[in-house]
């Protein structure tokens, strides 16, 4: 069944809705649930990747190395 055919079956149902009681319905819930599952999977993946990061700060270079802008303390 094509999308245009499906819409032609849904359009008559829209006239029966009470305009004061329109809710997101099942489709709204499914979209929200899919977004929630997607965010959960992204957070799980991010935590896994952050756990693999091995960050060690490099020690500061010695002042005697002659780097510009570095002054030696005495």
C-alpha atoms as a PDB file:
ATOM      1  CA  UNK A   1       0.000   0.000   0.000  1.00  0.00           C
ATOM      2  CA  UNK A   2       1.371   3.410  -0.922  1.00  0.00           C
ATOM      3  CA  UNK A   3       1.530   6.342   1.478  1.00  0.00           C
ATOM      4  CA  UNK A   4      -0.990   8.333  -0.557  1.00  0.00           C
ATOM      5  CA  UNK A   5      -3.503   5.499  -0.327  1.00  0.00           C
ATOM      6  CA  UNK A   6      -2.939   5.234   3.409  1.00  0.00           C
ATOM      7  CA  UNK A   7      -3.534   8.962   3.841  1.00  0.00           C
ATOM      8  CA  UNK A   8      -6.815   8.810   1.955  1.00  0.00           C
ATOM      9  CA  UNK A   9      -8.067   6.299   4.544  1.00  0.00           C
ATOM     10  CA  UNK A  10      -6.926   8.457   7.459  1.00  0.00           C
ATOM     11  CA  UNK A  11      -8.337  11.803   6.276  1.00  0.00           C
ATOM     12  CA  UNK A  12     -12.000  10.907   6.926  1.00  0.00           C
ATOM     13  CA  UNK A  13     -11.068   9.925  10.480  1.00  0.00           C
ATOM     14  CA  UNK A  14      -9.692  13.396  11.134  1.00  0.00           C
ATOM     15  CA  UNK A  15     -13.156  14.930  10.758  1.00  0.00           C
ATOM     16  CA  UNK A  16     -14.443  12.766  13.607  1.00  0.00           C
ATOM     17  CA  UNK A  17     -11.923  14.058  16.151  1.00  0.00           C
ATOM     18  CA  UNK A  18     -13.014  16.399  18.882  1.00  0.00           C
ATOM     19  CA  UNK A  19     -10.840  19.480  18.376  1.00  0.00           C
ATOM     20  CA  UNK A  20     -10.750  20.104  22.148  1.00  0.00           C
ATOM     21  CA  UNK A  21      -9.372  16.647  22.965  1.00  0.00           C
ATOM     22  CA  UNK A  22      -6.592  16.105  20.447  1.00  0.00           C
ATOM     23  CA  UNK A  23      -3.688  14.132  21.905  1.00  0.00           C
ATOM     24  CA  UNK A  24      -0.409  12.884  20.387  1.00  0.00           C
ATOM     25  CA  UNK A  25      -1.741   9.342  20.426  1.00  0.00           C
ATOM     26  CA  UNK A  26       0.146   6.163  19.718  1.00  0.00           C
ATOM     27  CA  UNK A  27       2.271   7.654  16.934  1.00  0.00           C
ATOM     28  CA  UNK A  28       3.478  10.442  19.224  1.00  0.00           C
ATOM     29  CA  UNK A  29       4.344   7.911  21.907  1.00  0.00           C
ATOM     30  CA  UNK A  30       6.241   5.713  19.440  1.00  0.00           C
ATOM     31  CA  UNK A  31       8.256   8.670  18.136  1.00  0.00           C
ATOM     32  CA  UNK A  32       9.057   9.789  21.684  1.00  0.00           C
ATOM     33  CA  UNK A  33      10.022   6.239  22.693  1.00  0.00           C
ATOM     34  CA  UNK A  34      12.276   5.882  19.621  1.00  0.00           C
ATOM     35  CA  UNK A  35      14.006   9.163  20.463  1.00  0.00           C
ATOM     36  CA  UNK A  36      14.456   8.067  24.081  1.00  0.00           C
ATOM     37  CA  UNK A  37      15.970   4.737  23.038  1.00  0.00           C
ATOM     38  CA  UNK A  38      18.284   6.524  20.591  1.00  0.00           C
ATOM     39  CA  UNK A  39      19.502   8.951  23.257  1.00  0.00           C
ATOM     40  CA  UNK A  40      20.019   6.083  25.689  1.00  0.00           C
ATOM     41  CA  UNK A  41      22.123   4.190  23.129  1.00  0.00           C
ATOM     42  CA  UNK A  42      24.176   7.306  22.364  1.00  0.00           C
ATOM     43  CA  UNK A  43      24.857   7.874  26.074  1.00  0.00           C
ATOM     44  CA  UNK A  44      25.836   4.241  26.534  1.00  0.00           C
ATOM     45  CA  UNK A  45      28.207   4.454  23.557  1.00  0.00           C
ATOM     46  CA  UNK A  46      29.689   7.738  24.816  1.00  0.00           C
ATOM     47  CA  UNK A  47      30.366   6.252  28.252  1.00  0.00           C
ATOM     48  CA  UNK A  48      32.053   3.251  26.667  1.00  0.00           C
ATOM     49  CA  UNK A  49      34.245   5.466  24.475  1.00  0.00           C
ATOM     50  CA  UNK A  50      35.120   7.817  27.342  1.00  0.00           C
ATOM     51  CA  UNK A  51      36.171   4.807  29.405  1.00  0.00           C
ATOM     52  CA  UNK A  52      38.690   3.869  26.723  1.00  0.00           C
ATOM     53  CA  UNK A  53      40.350   7.283  26.739  1.00  0.00           C
ATOM     54  CA  UNK A  54      43.762   7.155  28.376  1.00  0.00           C
ATOM     55  CA  UNK A  55      44.635  10.773  29.034  1.00  0.00           C
ATOM     56  CA  UNK A  56      47.844  11.583  30.838  1.00  0.00           C
ATOM     57  CA  UNK A  57      48.905  15.181  31.020  1.00  0.00           C
ATOM     58  CA  UNK A  58      52.379  15.732  29.616  1.00  0.00           C
ATOM     59  CA  UNK A  59      54.869  17.157  32.087  1.00  0.00           C
ATOM     60  CA  UNK A  60      55.827  20.780  31.597  1.00  0.00           C
ATOM     61  CA  UNK A  61      59.045  21.210  29.644  1.00  0.00           C
ATOM     62  CA  UNK A  62      62.063  22.290  31.651  1.00  0.00           C
ATOM     63  CA  UNK A  63      62.756  26.037  31.744  1.00  0.00           C
ATOM     64  CA  UNK A  64      66.322  25.414  30.576  1.00  0.00           C
ATOM     65  CA  UNK A  65      65.215  24.026  27.232  1.00  0.00           C
ATOM     66  CA  UNK A  66      65.420  27.478  25.672  1.00  0.00           C
ATOM     67  CA  UNK A  67      61.774  27.629  24.677  1.00  0.00           C
ATOM     68  CA  UNK A  68      60.667  31.174  23.842  1.00  0.00           C
ATOM     69  CA  UNK A  69      58.653  32.921  26.511  1.00  0.00           C
ATOM     70  CA  UNK A  70      59.838  30.614  29.302  1.00  0.00           C
ATOM     71  CA  UNK A  71      61.804  32.193  32.098  1.00  0.00           C
ATOM     72  CA  UNK A  72      64.030  30.208  34.407  1.00  0.00           C
ATOM     73  CA  UNK A  73      63.371  30.597  38.114  1.00  0.00           C
ATOM     74  CA  UNK A  74      66.375  30.821  40.443  1.00  0.00           C
END
